[in-house]
Amino acid sequence: MIGLLDVTKAILPHFRQNKNGIIINISSIGGQMTFPLGALYHGTKFAVEGISESLSYEVEQFGGQVKIVEPGMIATDFGGRSFDFSNDETMAEYQKIVGALMGAMPKMAENASPASVVAEVIFEAATDGENQLRYTAGEDAVALLANRKQYDDATFIGGIKSQFGL
């Protein structure tokens, strides 16, 4: 998050001077919806979404644009090293949800998109000439975000809970 803010702060004078520029921030579907045990991850992605959307109003007045790329599950080590978290096994109250999430990760990863999908979407956002804020990367992301928009909170969250056996 600090890097995103530092880079944005550094580039904005160039945007103002040139009356042009595009910032493309990488978020995640995790900036529009959540999974269990992802409070910090989702909090940062929601922040990327909010900062980017708010900033888009500000830079538009001098020809700038902000775009957000929202990948779904990508075939990387996200489910391993990147998803590492501290699990204190003495906290019995959390073990059911930890087990459910760890058990679901391999299945979720089966339908992961290759990283090239994200690169293609970034290229599209940079070159399409559209005044579009959000770009979704990956078929799973498209489906999940469509479901998130279609259902009310209780229905959608209930579906996530049932997916994890909660």
C-alpha atoms as a PDB file:
ATOM      1  CA  MET A   1       0.000   0.000   0.000  1.00  0.00           C
ATOM      2  CA  ILE A   2       2.845   2.387   0.863  1.00  0.00           C
ATOM      3  CA  GLY A   3       4.470   1.668  -2.515  1.00  0.00           C
ATOM      4  CA  LEU A   4       1.261   2.451  -4.376  1.00  0.00           C
ATOM      5  CA  LEU A   5       0.984   5.793  -2.578  1.00  0.00           C
ATOM      6  CA  ASP A   6       4.659   6.661  -3.071  1.00  0.00           C
ATOM      7  CA  VAL A   7       4.588   5.890  -6.814  1.00  0.00           C
ATOM      8  CA  THR A   8       1.334   7.812  -7.241  1.00  0.00           C
ATOM      9  CA  LYS A   9       2.752  10.825  -5.416  1.00  0.00           C
ATOM     10  CA  ALA A  10       5.888  10.718  -7.584  1.00  0.00           C
ATOM     11  CA  ILE A  11       4.043  10.467 -10.921  1.00  0.00           C
ATOM     12  CA  LEU A  12       1.286  13.041 -10.397  1.00  0.00           C
ATOM     13  CA  PRO A  13       3.479  16.097 -11.103  1.00  0.00           C
ATOM     14  CA  HIS A  14       4.258  14.600 -14.541  1.00  0.00           C
ATOM     15  CA  PHE A  15       0.548  14.040 -15.179  1.00  0.00           C
ATOM     16  CA  ARG A  16      -0.244  17.633 -14.263  1.00  0.00           C
ATOM     17  CA  GLN A  17       2.569  18.984 -16.426  1.00  0.00           C
ATOM     18  CA  ASN A  18       1.737  16.791 -19.446  1.00  0.00           C
ATOM     19  CA  LYS A  19      -2.057  16.950 -19.014  1.00  0.00           C
ATOM     20  CA  ASN A  20      -2.084  13.202 -19.621  1.00  0.00           C
ATOM     21  CA  GLY A  21      -1.277   9.837 -18.065  1.00  0.00           C
ATOM     22  CA  ILE A  22      -2.719   6.544 -16.876  1.00  0.00           C
ATOM     23  CA  ILE A  23      -2.197   4.932 -13.503  1.00  0.00           C
ATOM     24  CA  ILE A  24      -2.977   1.219 -13.505  1.00  0.00           C
ATOM     25  CA  ASN A  25      -3.284  -0.231 -10.019  1.00  0.00           C
ATOM     26  CA  ILE A  26      -3.406  -3.965  -9.433  1.00  0.00           C
ATOM     27  CA  SER A  27      -6.072  -4.931  -6.946  1.00  0.00           C
ATOM     28  CA  SER A  28      -7.911  -8.241  -6.819  1.00  0.00           C
ATOM     29  CA  ILE A  29     -11.427  -9.573  -6.709  1.00  0.00           C
ATOM     30  CA  GLY A  30     -10.518  -9.438  -3.014  1.00  0.00           C
ATOM     31  CA  GLY A  31     -11.125  -5.692  -3.201  1.00  0.00           C
ATOM     32  CA  GLN A  32     -14.789  -6.276  -3.998  1.00  0.00           C
ATOM     33  CA  MET A  33     -15.511  -9.389  -1.920  1.00  0.00           C
ATOM     34  CA  THR A  34     -13.919 -11.398   0.872  1.00  0.00           C
ATOM     35  CA  PHE A  35     -12.951 -14.895   1.910  1.00  0.00           C
ATOM     36  CA  PRO A  36     -12.410 -16.152   5.469  1.00  0.00           C
ATOM     37  CA  LEU A  37      -9.087 -15.381   7.187  1.00  0.00           C
ATOM     38  CA  GLY A  38      -8.231 -12.647   4.708  1.00  0.00           C
ATOM     39  CA  ALA A  39      -8.914  -9.524   6.772  1.00  0.00           C
ATOM     40  CA  LEU A  40      -5.526  -7.894   6.140  1.00  0.00           C
ATOM     41  CA  TYR A  41      -5.356  -8.973   2.499  1.00  0.00           C
ATOM     42  CA  HIS A  42      -8.882  -7.801   1.754  1.00  0.00           C
ATOM     43  CA  GLY A  43      -8.393  -4.614   3.746  1.00  0.00           C
ATOM     44  CA  THR A  44      -5.445  -3.641   1.549  1.00  0.00           C
ATOM     45  CA  LYS A  45      -7.294  -4.530  -1.646  1.00  0.00           C
ATOM     46  CA  PHE A  46     -10.381  -2.555  -0.587  1.00  0.00           C
ATOM     47  CA  ALA A  47      -7.985   0.330   0.097  1.00  0.00           C
ATOM     48  CA  VAL A  48      -6.490   0.051  -3.414  1.00  0.00           C
ATOM     49  CA  GLU A  49     -10.030   0.182  -4.815  1.00  0.00           C
ATOM     50  CA  GLY A  50     -11.034   3.218  -2.760  1.00  0.00           C
ATOM     51  CA  ILE A  51      -7.823   5.144  -3.349  1.00  0.00           C
ATOM     52  CA  SER A  52      -7.956   4.417  -7.070  1.00  0.00           C
ATOM     53  CA  GLU A  53     -11.610   5.336  -7.496  1.00  0.00           C
ATOM     54  CA  SER A  54     -11.243   8.555  -5.512  1.00  0.00           C
ATOM     55  CA  LEU A  55      -8.028   9.477  -7.323  1.00  0.00           C
ATOM     56  CA  SER A  56      -9.763   9.008 -10.674  1.00  0.00           C
ATOM     57  CA  TYR A  57     -11.942  12.063  -9.941  1.00  0.00           C
ATOM     58  CA  GLU A  58      -8.898  14.131  -9.077  1.00  0.00           C
ATOM     59  CA  VAL A  59      -6.689  13.328 -12.082  1.00  0.00           C
ATOM     60  CA  GLU A  60      -9.504  13.484 -14.635  1.00  0.00           C
ATOM     61  CA  GLN A  61      -9.564  17.281 -14.396  1.00  0.00           C
ATOM     62  CA  PHE A  62      -6.071  17.447 -15.951  1.00  0.00           C
ATOM     63  CA  GLY A  63      -6.302  14.592 -18.449  1.00  0.00           C
ATOM     64  CA  GLY A  64      -5.230  11.720 -16.211  1.00  0.00           C
ATOM     65  CA  GLN A  65      -6.888   8.358 -15.760  1.00  0.00           C
ATOM     66  CA  VAL A  66      -6.826   5.674 -13.095  1.00  0.00           C
ATOM     67  CA  LYS A  67      -7.615   2.069 -13.919  1.00  0.00           C
ATOM     68  CA  ILE A  68      -7.873  -0.936 -11.623  1.00  0.00           C
ATOM     69  CA  VAL A  69      -7.067  -4.516 -12.649  1.00  0.00           C
ATOM     70  CA  GLU A  70      -8.882  -7.114 -10.533  1.00  0.00           C
ATOM     71  CA  PRO A  71      -7.477 -10.628 -11.016  1.00  0.00           C
ATOM     72  CA  GLY A  72      -9.067 -13.746  -9.652  1.00  0.00           C
ATOM     73  CA  MET A  73      -7.004 -16.829  -8.759  1.00  0.00           C
ATOM     74  CA  ILE A  74      -3.806 -16.769 -10.785  1.00  0.00           C
ATOM     75  CA  ALA A  75      -1.477 -19.756 -11.202  1.00  0.00           C
ATOM     76  CA  THR A  76       1.206 -18.461  -8.850  1.00  0.00           C
ATOM     77  CA  ASP A  77       2.247 -19.391  -5.335  1.00  0.00           C
ATOM     78  CA  PHE A  78      -0.627 -17.358  -3.876  1.00  0.00           C
ATOM     79  CA  GLY A  79      -2.066 -20.392  -2.108  1.00  0.00           C
ATOM     80  CA  GLY A  80       1.314 -21.278  -0.629  1.00  0.00           C
ATOM     81  CA  ARG A  81       3.976 -18.785   0.402  1.00  0.00           C
ATOM     82  CA  SER A  82       1.898 -15.757  -0.620  1.00  0.00           C
ATOM     83  CA  PHE A  83      -1.057 -16.866   1.477  1.00  0.00           C
ATOM     84  CA  ASP A  84       1.061 -17.722   4.487  1.00  0.00           C
ATOM     85  CA  PHE A  85      -0.460 -16.663   7.784  1.00  0.00           C
ATOM     86  CA  SER A  86       0.183 -17.380  11.413  1.00  0.00           C
ATOM     87  CA  ASN A  87      -2.023 -20.157  12.725  1.00  0.00           C
ATOM     88  CA  ASP A  88      -1.840 -20.566  16.465  1.00  0.00           C
ATOM     89  CA  GLU A  89      -3.186 -24.097  16.818  1.00  0.00           C
ATOM     90  CA  THR A  90      -3.904 -23.489  20.501  1.00  0.00           C
ATOM     91  CA  MET A  91      -6.728 -21.167  19.412  1.00  0.00           C
ATOM     92  CA  ALA A  92      -9.211 -23.949  18.890  1.00  0.00           C
ATOM     93  CA  GLU A  93     -11.991 -21.560  17.866  1.00  0.00           C
ATOM     94  CA  TYR A  94     -10.233 -20.841  14.549  1.00  0.00           C
ATOM     95  CA  GLN A  95      -9.186 -24.362  13.565  1.00  0.00           C
ATOM     96  CA  LYS A  96     -12.408 -25.278  11.755  1.00  0.00           C
ATOM     97  CA  ILE A  97     -12.180 -22.250   9.497  1.00  0.00           C
ATOM     98  CA  VAL A  98      -8.421 -22.711   8.960  1.00  0.00           C
ATOM     99  CA  GLY A  99      -8.997 -26.323   7.941  1.00  0.00           C
ATOM    100  CA  ALA A 100     -11.865 -25.385   5.639  1.00  0.00           C
ATOM    101  CA  LEU A 101      -9.847 -22.702   3.872  1.00  0.00           C
ATOM    102  CA  MET A 102      -6.715 -24.819   3.526  1.00  0.00           C
ATOM    103  CA  GLY A 103      -8.841 -27.672   2.203  1.00  0.00           C
ATOM    104  CA  ALA A 104     -10.518 -25.429  -0.380  1.00  0.00           C
ATOM    105  CA  MET A 105      -7.352 -23.795  -1.737  1.00  0.00           C
ATOM    106  CA  PRO A 106      -6.204 -26.694  -3.962  1.00  0.00           C
ATOM    107  CA  LYS A 107      -9.639 -26.895  -5.626  1.00  0.00           C
ATOM    108  CA  MET A 108      -9.732 -23.127  -6.147  1.00  0.00           C
ATOM    109  CA  ALA A 109      -6.255 -23.284  -7.680  1.00  0.00           C
ATOM    110  CA  GLU A 110      -7.364 -25.908 -10.230  1.00  0.00           C
ATOM    111  CA  ASN A 111      -9.166 -23.210 -12.220  1.00  0.00           C
ATOM    112  CA  ALA A 112      -6.491 -20.561 -11.796  1.00  0.00           C
ATOM    113  CA  SER A 113      -5.681 -18.439 -14.820  1.00  0.00           C
ATOM    114  CA  PRO A 114      -2.128 -18.157 -16.102  1.00  0.00           C
ATOM    115  CA  ALA A 115      -0.267 -14.985 -15.119  1.00  0.00           C
ATOM    116  CA  SER A 116      -0.283 -13.965 -18.789  1.00  0.00           C
ATOM    117  CA  VAL A 117      -4.012 -13.192 -18.398  1.00  0.00           C
ATOM    118  CA  VAL A 118      -3.167 -10.390 -15.983  1.00  0.00           C
ATOM    119  CA  ALA A 119      -0.503  -9.039 -18.354  1.00  0.00           C
ATOM    120  CA  GLU A 120      -3.009  -9.048 -21.216  1.00  0.00           C
ATOM    121  CA  VAL A 121      -5.582  -7.162 -19.151  1.00  0.00           C
ATOM    122  CA  ILE A 122      -2.994  -4.599 -18.043  1.00  0.00           C
ATOM    123  CA  PHE A 123      -2.050  -4.069 -21.699  1.00  0.00           C
ATOM    124  CA  GLU A 124      -5.725  -3.699 -22.615  1.00  0.00           C
ATOM    125  CA  ALA A 125      -6.280  -1.138 -19.858  1.00  0.00           C
ATOM    126  CA  ALA A 126      -3.211   0.815 -20.963  1.00  0.00           C
ATOM    127  CA  THR A 127      -4.059   0.880 -24.662  1.00  0.00           C
ATOM    128  CA  ASP A 128      -7.826   0.623 -25.154  1.00  0.00           C
ATOM    129  CA  GLY A 129      -8.489   4.372 -25.017  1.00  0.00           C
ATOM    130  CA  GLU A 130     -11.549   3.735 -22.865  1.00  0.00           C
ATOM    131  CA  ASN A 131     -12.639   5.721 -19.838  1.00  0.00           C
ATOM    132  CA  GLN A 132     -13.192   2.532 -17.841  1.00  0.00           C
ATOM    133  CA  LEU A 133     -12.225   2.227 -14.181  1.00  0.00           C
ATOM    134  CA  ARG A 134     -12.253  -1.539 -13.496  1.00  0.00           C
ATOM    135  CA  TYR A 135     -10.898  -4.466 -15.522  1.00  0.00           C
ATOM    136  CA  THR A 136     -11.401  -8.072 -14.462  1.00  0.00           C
ATOM    137  CA  ALA A 137      -8.720 -10.692 -15.140  1.00  0.00           C
ATOM    138  CA  GLY A 138      -9.636 -14.374 -15.226  1.00  0.00           C
ATOM    139  CA  GLU A 139     -12.825 -16.336 -15.817  1.00  0.00           C
ATOM    140  CA  ASP A 140     -13.244 -17.089 -12.117  1.00  0.00           C
ATOM    141  CA  ALA A 141     -13.008 -13.368 -11.358  1.00  0.00           C
ATOM    142  CA  VAL A 142     -15.686 -12.558 -13.902  1.00  0.00           C
ATOM    143  CA  ALA A 143     -18.044 -15.162 -12.408  1.00  0.00           C
ATOM    144  CA  LEU A 144     -17.398 -14.259  -8.765  1.00  0.00           C
ATOM    145  CA  LEU A 145     -17.771 -10.520  -9.281  1.00  0.00           C
ATOM    146  CA  ALA A 146     -20.963 -11.040 -11.301  1.00  0.00           C
ATOM    147  CA  ASN A 147     -22.352 -13.097  -8.401  1.00  0.00           C
ATOM    148  CA  ARG A 148     -21.271 -10.436  -5.901  1.00  0.00           C
ATOM    149  CA  LYS A 149     -23.191  -7.784  -7.835  1.00  0.00           C
ATOM    150  CA  GLN A 150     -26.224  -9.996  -8.379  1.00  0.00           C
ATOM    151  CA  TYR A 151     -26.876 -11.047  -4.793  1.00  0.00           C
ATOM    152  CA  ASP A 152     -27.496  -9.156  -1.582  1.00  0.00           C
ATOM    153  CA  ASP A 153     -24.879  -9.426   1.181  1.00  0.00           C
ATOM    154  CA  ALA A 154     -26.642 -12.172   3.142  1.00  0.00           C
ATOM    155  CA  THR A 155     -27.071 -14.395   0.082  1.00  0.00           C
ATOM    156  CA  PHE A 156     -23.566 -13.893  -1.244  1.00  0.00           C
ATOM    157  CA  ILE A 157     -21.852 -14.304   2.133  1.00  0.00           C
ATOM    158  CA  GLY A 158     -24.012 -17.353   2.808  1.00  0.00           C
ATOM    159  CA  GLY A 159     -22.720 -18.862  -0.437  1.00  0.00           C
ATOM    160  CA  ILE A 160     -19.116 -18.218   0.573  1.00  0.00           C
ATOM    161  CA  LYS A 161     -19.767 -19.783   3.976  1.00  0.00           C
ATOM    162  CA  SER A 162     -21.301 -22.883   2.402  1.00  0.00           C
ATOM    163  CA  GLN A 163     -18.375 -23.182  -0.014  1.00  0.00           C
ATOM    164  CA  PHE A 164     -16.063 -23.418   3.000  1.00  0.00           C
ATOM    165  CA  GLY A 165     -18.420 -25.593   5.046  1.00  0.00           C
ATOM    166  CA  LEU A 166     -19.095 -22.885   7.608  1.00  0.00           C
END
